[in-house]
Structures are given as C-alpha cells and as structure tokens.
N, C-alpha and C. Protein backbone atom coordinates (compact mmCIF):
# COMPACT_ATOMS: atom_id res chain seq x y z
N MET A 1 -17.37 16.32 18.17
CA MET A 1 -17.33 15.92 16.76
C MET A 1 -16.03 15.17 16.50
N PRO A 2 -16.06 13.90 16.04
CA PRO A 2 -14.84 13.17 15.78
C PRO A 2 -14.03 13.85 14.70
N SER A 3 -12.71 13.84 14.87
CA SER A 3 -11.81 14.46 13.88
C SER A 3 -10.82 13.44 13.35
N ASP A 4 -11.24 12.16 13.32
CA ASP A 4 -10.35 11.11 12.87
C ASP A 4 -10.05 11.26 11.39
N HIS A 5 -8.82 10.93 11.02
CA HIS A 5 -8.41 10.79 9.64
C HIS A 5 -8.00 9.35 9.42
N TYR A 6 -7.81 8.97 8.16
CA TYR A 6 -7.37 7.60 7.91
C TYR A 6 -5.97 7.35 8.41
N PHE A 7 -5.21 8.44 8.73
CA PHE A 7 -3.88 8.27 9.30
C PHE A 7 -3.87 8.54 10.81
N THR A 8 -5.06 8.54 11.44
CA THR A 8 -5.14 8.62 12.89
C THR A 8 -4.77 7.26 13.49
N PRO A 9 -3.80 7.20 14.40
CA PRO A 9 -3.37 5.89 14.91
C PRO A 9 -4.47 5.10 15.61
N ALA A 10 -5.25 5.76 16.45
CA ALA A 10 -6.30 5.07 17.21
C ALA A 10 -7.59 5.89 17.11
N PRO A 11 -8.40 5.65 16.09
CA PRO A 11 -9.62 6.45 15.91
C PRO A 11 -10.53 6.40 17.14
N ASP A 12 -11.09 7.58 17.48
CA ASP A 12 -12.00 7.67 18.62
C ASP A 12 -13.45 7.41 18.23
N SER A 13 -13.75 7.48 16.95
CA SER A 13 -15.13 7.34 16.52
C SER A 13 -15.64 5.93 16.79
N THR A 14 -16.93 5.81 17.04
CA THR A 14 -17.55 4.51 17.27
C THR A 14 -17.41 3.64 16.02
N LEU A 15 -16.94 2.42 16.21
CA LEU A 15 -16.71 1.52 15.08
C LEU A 15 -18.03 1.17 14.40
N LYS A 16 -18.07 1.36 13.08
CA LYS A 16 -19.24 1.00 12.28
C LYS A 16 -18.75 0.16 11.11
N LEU A 17 -18.89 -1.15 11.25
CA LEU A 17 -18.47 -2.06 10.19
C LEU A 17 -19.45 -2.02 9.03
N ARG A 18 -18.93 -2.26 7.83
CA ARG A 18 -19.80 -2.37 6.66
C ARG A 18 -19.24 -3.42 5.72
N GLN A 19 -20.12 -4.04 4.98
CA GLN A 19 -19.72 -5.04 3.99
C GLN A 19 -19.65 -4.40 2.61
N VAL A 20 -18.61 -4.73 1.88
CA VAL A 20 -18.46 -4.23 0.51
C VAL A 20 -18.15 -5.41 -0.40
N THR A 21 -18.58 -5.30 -1.64
CA THR A 21 -18.26 -6.31 -2.64
C THR A 21 -17.21 -5.72 -3.58
N VAL A 22 -16.07 -6.39 -3.68
CA VAL A 22 -14.98 -5.91 -4.52
C VAL A 22 -14.49 -7.08 -5.37
N ARG A 23 -13.80 -6.73 -6.45
CA ARG A 23 -13.24 -7.75 -7.32
C ARG A 23 -11.75 -7.86 -7.07
N LEU A 24 -11.31 -9.01 -6.58
CA LEU A 24 -9.90 -9.27 -6.32
C LEU A 24 -9.59 -10.68 -6.77
N GLY A 25 -8.41 -10.86 -7.38
CA GLY A 25 -8.03 -12.19 -7.82
C GLY A 25 -8.99 -12.79 -8.83
N GLY A 26 -9.62 -11.92 -9.62
CA GLY A 26 -10.53 -12.40 -10.65
C GLY A 26 -11.89 -12.82 -10.18
N GLN A 27 -12.22 -12.55 -8.91
CA GLN A 27 -13.52 -12.94 -8.37
C GLN A 27 -14.14 -11.80 -7.57
N GLU A 28 -15.48 -11.83 -7.48
CA GLU A 28 -16.18 -10.92 -6.58
C GLU A 28 -16.07 -11.46 -5.16
N ARG A 29 -15.69 -10.57 -4.23
CA ARG A 29 -15.47 -11.02 -2.85
C ARG A 29 -16.15 -10.05 -1.88
N GLU A 30 -16.74 -10.63 -0.84
CA GLU A 30 -17.38 -9.84 0.22
C GLU A 30 -16.34 -9.57 1.31
N LEU A 31 -16.06 -8.29 1.56
CA LEU A 31 -15.06 -7.92 2.55
C LEU A 31 -15.66 -6.92 3.53
N THR A 32 -14.90 -6.63 4.57
CA THR A 32 -15.38 -5.75 5.63
C THR A 32 -14.53 -4.50 5.69
N THR A 33 -15.17 -3.34 5.76
CA THR A 33 -14.49 -2.07 5.98
C THR A 33 -15.16 -1.38 7.17
N ALA A 34 -14.74 -0.16 7.44
CA ALA A 34 -15.31 0.57 8.58
C ALA A 34 -15.03 2.05 8.40
N ASN A 35 -15.65 2.84 9.23
CA ASN A 35 -15.40 4.28 9.24
C ASN A 35 -14.00 4.57 9.78
N SER A 36 -13.52 5.76 9.50
CA SER A 36 -12.20 6.24 9.95
C SER A 36 -11.04 5.44 9.38
N VAL A 37 -11.25 4.83 8.20
CA VAL A 37 -10.16 4.28 7.42
C VAL A 37 -10.30 4.84 6.01
N PHE A 38 -9.25 4.64 5.21
CA PHE A 38 -9.25 5.21 3.87
C PHE A 38 -10.21 4.46 2.95
N SER A 39 -11.06 5.21 2.24
CA SER A 39 -11.97 4.69 1.22
C SER A 39 -12.76 3.47 1.69
N PRO A 40 -13.62 3.66 2.71
CA PRO A 40 -14.34 2.50 3.26
C PRO A 40 -15.47 1.99 2.37
N GLU A 41 -15.90 2.76 1.37
CA GLU A 41 -17.05 2.34 0.56
C GLU A 41 -16.66 1.39 -0.57
N HIS A 42 -15.40 1.44 -1.00
CA HIS A 42 -15.00 0.68 -2.19
C HIS A 42 -13.48 0.75 -2.31
N ILE A 43 -12.94 0.04 -3.29
CA ILE A 43 -11.53 0.21 -3.63
C ILE A 43 -11.41 1.54 -4.35
N ASP A 44 -10.62 2.46 -3.79
CA ASP A 44 -10.52 3.79 -4.39
C ASP A 44 -9.88 3.72 -5.77
N THR A 45 -10.07 4.79 -6.55
CA THR A 45 -9.64 4.79 -7.95
C THR A 45 -8.13 4.60 -8.07
N GLY A 46 -7.36 5.27 -7.24
CA GLY A 46 -5.91 5.15 -7.33
C GLY A 46 -5.43 3.73 -7.09
N THR A 47 -5.95 3.11 -6.04
CA THR A 47 -5.58 1.73 -5.75
C THR A 47 -5.99 0.81 -6.89
N GLN A 48 -7.17 1.03 -7.45
CA GLN A 48 -7.61 0.20 -8.57
C GLN A 48 -6.69 0.37 -9.78
N VAL A 49 -6.27 1.60 -10.03
CA VAL A 49 -5.31 1.84 -11.12
C VAL A 49 -4.02 1.06 -10.87
N LEU A 50 -3.53 1.08 -9.64
CA LEU A 50 -2.31 0.34 -9.31
C LEU A 50 -2.51 -1.15 -9.52
N LEU A 51 -3.61 -1.71 -9.03
CA LEU A 51 -3.86 -3.13 -9.18
C LEU A 51 -3.96 -3.54 -10.65
N ASN A 52 -4.53 -2.65 -11.47
CA ASN A 52 -4.70 -2.95 -12.89
C ASN A 52 -3.42 -2.76 -13.69
N SER A 53 -2.52 -1.88 -13.22
CA SER A 53 -1.38 -1.45 -14.03
C SER A 53 -0.07 -2.14 -13.67
N ALA A 54 0.14 -2.41 -12.40
CA ALA A 54 1.41 -3.02 -11.99
C ALA A 54 1.49 -4.45 -12.51
N PRO A 55 2.69 -4.94 -12.79
CA PRO A 55 2.82 -6.31 -13.30
C PRO A 55 2.53 -7.35 -12.23
N THR A 56 2.44 -8.60 -12.67
CA THR A 56 2.26 -9.70 -11.73
C THR A 56 3.41 -9.70 -10.72
N PRO A 57 3.10 -9.76 -9.44
CA PRO A 57 4.18 -9.73 -8.44
C PRO A 57 5.02 -11.00 -8.49
N PRO A 58 6.22 -10.95 -7.91
CA PRO A 58 7.07 -12.15 -7.87
C PRO A 58 6.36 -13.31 -7.17
N PRO A 59 6.80 -14.54 -7.41
CA PRO A 59 6.11 -15.68 -6.81
C PRO A 59 6.34 -15.83 -5.32
N GLY A 60 7.41 -15.24 -4.79
CA GLY A 60 7.68 -15.38 -3.37
C GLY A 60 8.56 -14.26 -2.87
N GLY A 61 8.84 -14.30 -1.57
CA GLY A 61 9.63 -13.26 -0.93
C GLY A 61 8.80 -12.47 0.05
N ASP A 62 9.41 -11.44 0.62
CA ASP A 62 8.71 -10.52 1.51
C ASP A 62 8.24 -9.31 0.72
N PHE A 63 6.93 -9.04 0.76
CA PHE A 63 6.35 -7.91 0.06
C PHE A 63 5.87 -6.89 1.10
N LEU A 64 5.88 -5.61 0.72
CA LEU A 64 5.38 -4.54 1.59
C LEU A 64 4.22 -3.82 0.93
N ASP A 65 3.11 -3.72 1.64
CA ASP A 65 2.01 -2.82 1.29
C ASP A 65 2.08 -1.66 2.28
N LEU A 66 2.58 -0.53 1.82
CA LEU A 66 2.83 0.62 2.68
C LEU A 66 1.61 1.53 2.70
N GLY A 67 1.01 1.70 3.90
CA GLY A 67 -0.24 2.44 4.02
C GLY A 67 -1.39 1.58 3.56
N CYS A 68 -1.55 0.42 4.19
CA CYS A 68 -2.40 -0.64 3.65
C CYS A 68 -3.89 -0.36 3.74
N GLY A 69 -4.33 0.55 4.65
CA GLY A 69 -5.76 0.75 4.82
C GLY A 69 -6.43 -0.56 5.22
N TRP A 70 -7.62 -0.80 4.68
CA TRP A 70 -8.35 -2.03 5.05
C TRP A 70 -7.87 -3.24 4.26
N GLY A 71 -6.92 -3.05 3.33
CA GLY A 71 -6.22 -4.20 2.81
C GLY A 71 -6.33 -4.59 1.35
N PRO A 72 -6.91 -3.80 0.45
CA PRO A 72 -7.08 -4.32 -0.92
C PRO A 72 -5.77 -4.69 -1.61
N ILE A 73 -4.70 -3.89 -1.42
CA ILE A 73 -3.43 -4.23 -2.06
C ILE A 73 -2.85 -5.49 -1.44
N SER A 74 -2.84 -5.57 -0.12
CA SER A 74 -2.31 -6.76 0.55
C SER A 74 -3.06 -8.01 0.13
N LEU A 75 -4.37 -7.93 0.06
CA LEU A 75 -5.18 -9.09 -0.33
C LEU A 75 -4.89 -9.49 -1.77
N HIS A 76 -4.76 -8.51 -2.65
CA HIS A 76 -4.41 -8.78 -4.05
C HIS A 76 -3.07 -9.50 -4.14
N LEU A 77 -2.07 -8.99 -3.42
CA LEU A 77 -0.74 -9.60 -3.46
C LEU A 77 -0.76 -11.01 -2.88
N ALA A 78 -1.48 -11.19 -1.78
CA ALA A 78 -1.54 -12.51 -1.15
C ALA A 78 -2.22 -13.53 -2.05
N LEU A 79 -3.26 -13.11 -2.75
CA LEU A 79 -3.94 -14.01 -3.68
C LEU A 79 -3.06 -14.34 -4.88
N ALA A 80 -2.33 -13.33 -5.37
CA ALA A 80 -1.50 -13.53 -6.56
C ALA A 80 -0.24 -14.33 -6.27
N SER A 81 0.29 -14.21 -5.05
CA SER A 81 1.56 -14.85 -4.69
C SER A 81 1.41 -15.56 -3.35
N PRO A 82 0.76 -16.71 -3.35
CA PRO A 82 0.47 -17.38 -2.07
C PRO A 82 1.72 -17.84 -1.32
N ARG A 83 2.87 -17.93 -1.99
CA ARG A 83 4.10 -18.33 -1.29
C ARG A 83 4.85 -17.14 -0.71
N ALA A 84 4.38 -15.93 -0.99
CA ALA A 84 5.02 -14.72 -0.47
C ALA A 84 4.51 -14.41 0.93
N THR A 85 5.28 -13.60 1.65
CA THR A 85 4.85 -13.04 2.93
C THR A 85 4.52 -11.58 2.71
N ILE A 86 3.29 -11.21 2.95
CA ILE A 86 2.84 -9.83 2.72
C ILE A 86 2.83 -9.10 4.06
N TRP A 87 3.60 -8.02 4.14
CA TRP A 87 3.61 -7.16 5.31
C TRP A 87 2.70 -5.96 5.03
N ALA A 88 1.59 -5.91 5.72
CA ALA A 88 0.62 -4.81 5.59
C ALA A 88 0.91 -3.80 6.70
N VAL A 89 1.38 -2.62 6.33
CA VAL A 89 1.86 -1.64 7.31
C VAL A 89 0.97 -0.40 7.28
N ASP A 90 0.52 0.02 8.44
CA ASP A 90 -0.29 1.23 8.56
C ASP A 90 -0.18 1.73 10.00
N VAL A 91 -0.39 3.03 10.20
CA VAL A 91 -0.40 3.58 11.55
C VAL A 91 -1.77 3.43 12.21
N ASN A 92 -2.80 3.17 11.40
CA ASN A 92 -4.18 3.14 11.88
C ASN A 92 -4.53 1.74 12.39
N GLU A 93 -4.70 1.60 13.70
CA GLU A 93 -4.97 0.29 14.29
C GLU A 93 -6.28 -0.31 13.77
N ARG A 94 -7.27 0.52 13.52
CA ARG A 94 -8.54 0.01 12.99
C ARG A 94 -8.34 -0.59 11.61
N ALA A 95 -7.53 0.06 10.79
CA ALA A 95 -7.24 -0.48 9.46
C ALA A 95 -6.54 -1.83 9.57
N LEU A 96 -5.58 -1.94 10.48
CA LEU A 96 -4.86 -3.20 10.64
C LEU A 96 -5.79 -4.32 11.09
N ASP A 97 -6.72 -4.01 11.98
CA ASP A 97 -7.70 -5.02 12.40
C ASP A 97 -8.54 -5.49 11.22
N LEU A 98 -8.89 -4.56 10.33
CA LEU A 98 -9.68 -4.93 9.15
C LEU A 98 -8.88 -5.79 8.19
N VAL A 99 -7.60 -5.50 8.02
CA VAL A 99 -6.76 -6.35 7.17
C VAL A 99 -6.76 -7.78 7.71
N ARG A 100 -6.56 -7.91 9.01
CA ARG A 100 -6.55 -9.25 9.62
C ARG A 100 -7.89 -9.96 9.42
N LEU A 101 -8.98 -9.23 9.62
CA LEU A 101 -10.31 -9.80 9.45
C LEU A 101 -10.54 -10.24 8.01
N ASN A 102 -10.17 -9.39 7.06
CA ASN A 102 -10.38 -9.72 5.66
C ASN A 102 -9.51 -10.88 5.20
N ALA A 103 -8.27 -10.92 5.69
CA ALA A 103 -7.42 -12.06 5.36
C ALA A 103 -8.04 -13.36 5.88
N GLU A 104 -8.58 -13.32 7.10
CA GLU A 104 -9.22 -14.51 7.66
C GLU A 104 -10.45 -14.90 6.85
N GLU A 105 -11.24 -13.89 6.44
CA GLU A 105 -12.44 -14.18 5.66
C GLU A 105 -12.10 -14.86 4.34
N LEU A 106 -10.94 -14.52 3.76
CA LEU A 106 -10.53 -15.11 2.48
C LEU A 106 -9.66 -16.35 2.67
N GLY A 107 -9.41 -16.74 3.91
CA GLY A 107 -8.59 -17.91 4.15
C GLY A 107 -7.12 -17.70 3.82
N LEU A 108 -6.65 -16.48 3.90
CA LEU A 108 -5.25 -16.15 3.58
C LEU A 108 -4.43 -16.15 4.86
N THR A 109 -3.35 -16.88 4.85
CA THR A 109 -2.49 -16.97 6.03
C THR A 109 -1.13 -16.32 5.81
N ASN A 110 -0.94 -15.65 4.67
CA ASN A 110 0.37 -15.09 4.35
C ASN A 110 0.42 -13.56 4.45
N ILE A 111 -0.49 -12.98 5.25
CA ILE A 111 -0.49 -11.53 5.48
C ILE A 111 -0.23 -11.28 6.96
N THR A 112 0.71 -10.39 7.24
CA THR A 112 0.98 -9.94 8.60
C THR A 112 0.76 -8.44 8.65
N ALA A 113 -0.20 -7.99 9.45
CA ALA A 113 -0.56 -6.57 9.54
C ALA A 113 0.08 -5.97 10.79
N VAL A 114 0.91 -4.94 10.59
CA VAL A 114 1.68 -4.36 11.69
C VAL A 114 1.77 -2.84 11.56
N ARG A 115 1.99 -2.19 12.71
CA ARG A 115 2.36 -0.78 12.71
C ARG A 115 3.81 -0.64 12.22
N PRO A 116 4.20 0.53 11.75
CA PRO A 116 5.59 0.70 11.29
C PRO A 116 6.63 0.31 12.32
N ASP A 117 6.38 0.62 13.61
CA ASP A 117 7.37 0.31 14.64
C ASP A 117 7.43 -1.17 14.99
N GLN A 118 6.48 -1.96 14.49
CA GLN A 118 6.47 -3.40 14.74
C GLN A 118 7.14 -4.20 13.62
N MET A 119 7.54 -3.51 12.57
CA MET A 119 8.13 -4.20 11.42
C MET A 119 9.56 -4.63 11.74
N PRO A 120 9.88 -5.91 11.61
CA PRO A 120 11.24 -6.37 11.91
C PRO A 120 12.28 -5.64 11.06
N ALA A 121 13.32 -5.15 11.69
CA ALA A 121 14.30 -4.30 11.01
C ALA A 121 15.10 -5.05 9.96
N HIS A 122 15.22 -6.37 10.08
CA HIS A 122 16.08 -7.13 9.18
C HIS A 122 15.42 -7.47 7.85
N VAL A 123 14.10 -7.28 7.73
CA VAL A 123 13.38 -7.73 6.54
C VAL A 123 13.64 -6.77 5.38
N ALA A 124 14.05 -7.32 4.24
CA ALA A 124 14.15 -6.56 2.98
C ALA A 124 13.05 -7.07 2.05
N PHE A 125 12.63 -6.23 1.13
CA PHE A 125 11.42 -6.51 0.37
C PHE A 125 11.71 -6.83 -1.09
N ARG A 126 11.04 -7.89 -1.55
CA ARG A 126 11.14 -8.27 -2.96
C ARG A 126 10.35 -7.31 -3.83
N THR A 127 9.31 -6.72 -3.29
CA THR A 127 8.56 -5.67 -3.97
C THR A 127 7.83 -4.83 -2.93
N ILE A 128 7.56 -3.59 -3.27
CA ILE A 128 6.77 -2.67 -2.44
C ILE A 128 5.66 -2.11 -3.33
N TRP A 129 4.45 -2.18 -2.85
CA TRP A 129 3.31 -1.56 -3.54
C TRP A 129 2.68 -0.57 -2.57
N SER A 130 2.30 0.60 -3.08
CA SER A 130 1.73 1.60 -2.18
C SER A 130 0.89 2.63 -2.92
N ASN A 131 -0.25 2.94 -2.32
CA ASN A 131 -0.99 4.16 -2.63
C ASN A 131 -0.68 5.09 -1.44
N PRO A 132 0.42 5.82 -1.51
CA PRO A 132 0.93 6.51 -0.31
C PRO A 132 -0.02 7.60 0.16
N PRO A 133 -0.03 7.86 1.46
CA PRO A 133 -0.94 8.86 2.04
C PRO A 133 -0.47 10.29 1.79
N ILE A 134 -0.74 10.79 0.61
CA ILE A 134 -0.27 12.11 0.21
C ILE A 134 -0.72 13.19 1.19
N ARG A 135 -1.91 13.04 1.76
CA ARG A 135 -2.48 14.10 2.60
C ARG A 135 -1.84 14.21 3.98
N VAL A 136 -0.89 13.34 4.30
CA VAL A 136 -0.16 13.54 5.57
C VAL A 136 0.79 14.73 5.48
N GLY A 137 1.06 15.22 4.27
CA GLY A 137 1.96 16.35 4.09
C GLY A 137 3.29 15.89 3.50
N LYS A 138 3.93 16.82 2.79
CA LYS A 138 5.14 16.47 2.05
C LYS A 138 6.26 15.99 2.97
N THR A 139 6.45 16.66 4.10
CA THR A 139 7.55 16.28 4.99
C THR A 139 7.39 14.86 5.49
N GLU A 140 6.19 14.53 5.97
CA GLU A 140 5.93 13.19 6.48
C GLU A 140 6.01 12.15 5.36
N LEU A 141 5.48 12.48 4.20
CA LEU A 141 5.53 11.56 3.06
C LEU A 141 6.96 11.26 2.66
N HIS A 142 7.78 12.30 2.56
CA HIS A 142 9.18 12.09 2.17
C HIS A 142 9.92 11.26 3.21
N THR A 143 9.66 11.51 4.49
CA THR A 143 10.28 10.70 5.53
C THR A 143 9.89 9.23 5.39
N MET A 144 8.64 8.99 5.11
CA MET A 144 8.15 7.63 4.94
C MET A 144 8.86 6.92 3.77
N LEU A 145 8.94 7.60 2.65
CA LEU A 145 9.54 6.98 1.47
C LEU A 145 11.04 6.79 1.66
N ARG A 146 11.71 7.74 2.30
CA ARG A 146 13.14 7.58 2.60
C ARG A 146 13.38 6.38 3.52
N THR A 147 12.43 6.11 4.39
CA THR A 147 12.57 5.02 5.34
C THR A 147 12.39 3.66 4.68
N TRP A 148 11.39 3.53 3.82
CA TRP A 148 10.98 2.21 3.34
C TRP A 148 11.56 1.83 1.99
N LEU A 149 11.68 2.75 1.06
CA LEU A 149 12.16 2.38 -0.27
C LEU A 149 13.58 1.81 -0.25
N PRO A 150 14.50 2.31 0.58
CA PRO A 150 15.83 1.70 0.63
C PRO A 150 15.85 0.27 1.14
N ARG A 151 14.73 -0.23 1.62
CA ARG A 151 14.66 -1.63 2.07
C ARG A 151 14.28 -2.59 0.95
N LEU A 152 14.16 -2.07 -0.27
CA LEU A 152 14.00 -2.95 -1.43
C LEU A 152 15.26 -3.81 -1.60
N GLU A 153 15.06 -5.06 -1.94
CA GLU A 153 16.19 -5.91 -2.30
C GLU A 153 16.81 -5.41 -3.61
N PRO A 154 18.11 -5.58 -3.81
CA PRO A 154 18.72 -5.26 -5.10
C PRO A 154 18.02 -6.00 -6.24
N GLY A 155 17.80 -5.29 -7.34
CA GLY A 155 17.12 -5.87 -8.48
C GLY A 155 15.61 -5.88 -8.38
N SER A 156 15.06 -5.23 -7.36
CA SER A 156 13.61 -5.25 -7.12
C SER A 156 12.97 -3.90 -7.42
N ASP A 157 11.64 -3.89 -7.47
CA ASP A 157 10.88 -2.71 -7.84
C ASP A 157 9.86 -2.34 -6.77
N ALA A 158 9.60 -1.05 -6.67
CA ALA A 158 8.44 -0.54 -5.93
C ALA A 158 7.48 0.09 -6.91
N TRP A 159 6.20 -0.01 -6.61
CA TRP A 159 5.14 0.54 -7.47
C TRP A 159 4.28 1.48 -6.62
N LEU A 160 4.27 2.76 -6.99
CA LEU A 160 3.54 3.79 -6.26
C LEU A 160 2.51 4.42 -7.17
N VAL A 161 1.30 4.63 -6.67
CA VAL A 161 0.28 5.33 -7.45
C VAL A 161 0.00 6.67 -6.78
N VAL A 162 0.03 7.74 -7.59
CA VAL A 162 -0.15 9.09 -7.07
C VAL A 162 -1.00 9.88 -8.07
N GLN A 163 -1.96 10.61 -7.57
CA GLN A 163 -2.81 11.42 -8.44
C GLN A 163 -1.99 12.57 -9.03
N ARG A 164 -2.22 12.84 -10.30
CA ARG A 164 -1.44 13.88 -10.98
C ARG A 164 -1.60 15.23 -10.30
N ASN A 165 -2.84 15.61 -9.96
CA ASN A 165 -3.03 16.94 -9.38
C ASN A 165 -2.69 17.00 -7.90
N LEU A 166 -2.22 15.88 -7.33
CA LEU A 166 -1.68 15.89 -5.96
C LEU A 166 -0.16 15.74 -5.96
N GLY A 167 0.46 15.95 -7.12
CA GLY A 167 1.91 16.08 -7.13
C GLY A 167 2.70 14.88 -7.60
N SER A 168 2.13 14.05 -8.47
CA SER A 168 2.86 12.86 -8.91
C SER A 168 4.15 13.22 -9.64
N ASP A 169 4.10 14.25 -10.48
CA ASP A 169 5.29 14.60 -11.27
C ASP A 169 6.39 15.16 -10.38
N SER A 170 6.03 16.01 -9.42
CA SER A 170 7.04 16.55 -8.52
C SER A 170 7.58 15.46 -7.60
N LEU A 171 6.74 14.50 -7.21
CA LEU A 171 7.23 13.39 -6.39
C LEU A 171 8.22 12.54 -7.18
N GLN A 172 7.93 12.32 -8.46
CA GLN A 172 8.86 11.56 -9.28
C GLN A 172 10.22 12.24 -9.35
N ARG A 173 10.22 13.56 -9.53
CA ARG A 173 11.49 14.30 -9.58
C ARG A 173 12.21 14.22 -8.24
N TRP A 174 11.45 14.33 -7.16
CA TRP A 174 12.08 14.26 -5.83
C TRP A 174 12.70 12.89 -5.59
N LEU A 175 11.99 11.83 -5.94
CA LEU A 175 12.52 10.48 -5.76
C LEU A 175 13.81 10.30 -6.54
N ASP A 176 13.83 10.79 -7.77
CA ASP A 176 15.03 10.65 -8.60
C ASP A 176 16.21 11.40 -8.01
N GLY A 177 15.93 12.52 -7.35
CA GLY A 177 17.02 13.32 -6.80
C GLY A 177 17.42 12.96 -5.39
N ASP A 178 16.53 12.34 -4.63
CA ASP A 178 16.77 12.12 -3.21
C ASP A 178 17.27 10.72 -2.88
N LEU A 179 16.79 9.71 -3.59
CA LEU A 179 17.17 8.34 -3.27
C LEU A 179 18.62 8.09 -3.69
N PRO A 180 19.27 7.08 -3.08
CA PRO A 180 20.65 6.76 -3.45
C PRO A 180 20.80 6.45 -4.94
N ALA A 181 22.03 6.47 -5.42
CA ALA A 181 22.31 6.40 -6.85
C ALA A 181 21.83 5.11 -7.50
N GLU A 182 21.71 4.03 -6.72
CA GLU A 182 21.30 2.76 -7.33
C GLU A 182 19.80 2.68 -7.57
N PHE A 183 19.06 3.73 -7.21
CA PHE A 183 17.62 3.78 -7.45
C PHE A 183 17.32 4.68 -8.64
N SER A 184 16.33 4.29 -9.43
CA SER A 184 15.84 5.14 -10.51
C SER A 184 14.32 5.10 -10.50
N THR A 185 13.70 6.21 -10.86
CA THR A 185 12.24 6.32 -10.85
C THR A 185 11.75 6.66 -12.24
N SER A 186 10.73 5.97 -12.69
CA SER A 186 10.15 6.22 -14.01
C SER A 186 8.63 6.17 -13.92
N ARG A 187 7.98 6.75 -14.90
CA ARG A 187 6.52 6.70 -14.97
C ARG A 187 6.14 5.45 -15.75
N HIS A 188 5.48 4.53 -15.05
CA HIS A 188 5.12 3.26 -15.67
C HIS A 188 3.85 3.37 -16.51
N SER A 189 2.85 4.08 -15.99
CA SER A 189 1.57 4.17 -16.70
C SER A 189 0.78 5.36 -16.20
N ILE A 190 -0.24 5.74 -16.97
CA ILE A 190 -1.14 6.84 -16.65
C ILE A 190 -2.57 6.35 -16.85
N SER A 191 -3.43 6.61 -15.88
CA SER A 191 -4.83 6.22 -16.03
C SER A 191 -5.69 7.03 -15.06
N LYS A 192 -6.79 7.57 -15.57
CA LYS A 192 -7.82 8.21 -14.75
C LYS A 192 -7.25 9.31 -13.85
N GLY A 193 -6.26 10.03 -14.36
CA GLY A 193 -5.67 11.13 -13.60
C GLY A 193 -4.62 10.69 -12.61
N PHE A 194 -4.22 9.43 -12.63
CA PHE A 194 -3.21 8.90 -11.72
C PHE A 194 -1.98 8.48 -12.51
N ARG A 195 -0.83 8.58 -11.85
CA ARG A 195 0.42 8.06 -12.39
C ARG A 195 0.85 6.87 -11.54
N VAL A 196 1.28 5.81 -12.19
CA VAL A 196 1.93 4.71 -11.49
C VAL A 196 3.43 4.85 -11.71
N LEU A 197 4.14 5.06 -10.62
CA LEU A 197 5.59 5.25 -10.66
C LEU A 197 6.29 3.95 -10.30
N ARG A 198 7.35 3.66 -11.05
CA ARG A 198 8.18 2.48 -10.77
C ARG A 198 9.52 2.96 -10.20
N VAL A 199 9.83 2.49 -9.01
CA VAL A 199 11.14 2.78 -8.40
C VAL A 199 11.95 1.50 -8.47
N LYS A 200 13.04 1.53 -9.21
CA LYS A 200 13.86 0.35 -9.43
C LYS A 200 15.16 0.47 -8.65
N ARG A 201 15.51 -0.61 -7.94
CA ARG A 201 16.83 -0.69 -7.32
C ARG A 201 17.69 -1.60 -8.16
N GLN A 202 18.81 -1.10 -8.61
CA GLN A 202 19.68 -1.88 -9.46
C GLN A 202 20.33 -3.01 -8.67
N ASP A 203 20.75 -4.05 -9.40
CA ASP A 203 21.49 -5.16 -8.77
C ASP A 203 22.80 -4.67 -8.19
C-alpha cells in the first residue's frame, strides 16, 4: 500500500496524471495535476484565499513560492508579474515536474522549479508567497520558515496562508517572537477559516 504524502520527496505510487480546470490570471485554464501531490483535484481553499487576498505582486524581482505543489501560486505570480523570476520550491519531485509542465502549457518562461537544496544561496526575494505544509510538524515547519523568511529583501513582504484550526494564531505569535527584530508579523485578512499573515521586513 503506497504511503506517499505530498511532502514525500520521490513518490513510489504509479503516476496518474489528471486534467483540471482552474481560474488563474482572470481566465479559465486547463492544467495538469497528479496523485501524491497536494490538492490534485483543484486549487485548495487556503491557496485560493491567498490568491484572492494578497495584493498585486511587485512588477519584477525574484519571488519565492515555498511548498509550491503542482504550481497554482507560482503560475499566478508568473502571470501577474511576467518580468519577475518565480522560484517554485518543493521537496516533492513529482510536484516540481508538474510545475514545469504547467508553466510550459501556459507558455510561461519565468518559473524555475527546484528542490530546496538546488536554490542558489545568493538569491534574495522581493516577495514570498506560501501555503506552508503545516502537516510536516511544528519543528520542520519552524525550521523551514527560519530558513527562508530571512531571505526577504529589506522593505519586502511575505504572505502566508494558514488555517485557523491548524494553528494560524500560534504561528503568528511564534513568528513575531522568533524572527529577527526587523521583521514584524500581522494578520492581513480572514476568510473561510483561514488567516493570511503578512511578514514584513523593514528597510
């Protein structure tokens, strides 16, 4: 019996591609998902809340989609900011393959899908968007956020969506207490049981 999770680096289950219709960039688009990735049937509610709630991304720079899955956030950012470079980061190789496939299907050339260890160390981010993988556990989640959020450029924002009953309020308190002094965390919006948190790095 396969025991793959969406955070399994190399899923053992037989690949089963599926087509889904989603709305991105103001249009209905046919994209490809698969089993053993996060929310393969549709754009999950949390990600949709983030896409609907976060402001228009900057026109350019390096952006990070942390825990990209099959790519809805990366694709949204690439469509909204065609001059930006979108780094789609995930541990799941199947998810990364799907991001690449979907970017090709949409004719997007500004998305680079990589594992965390493949991310160039010198790159700082103009913005970070993430529906973080809460179910990996608190220790792993905190390590992830400690690693990536400090790579925000000064004066830039990260946007995180977290379900209220999966600890959004406690995560907000932890971020405020754990990140360096130039970072502040606030609740940007609430929708459908999710909180969108804004992490700001001061100039």
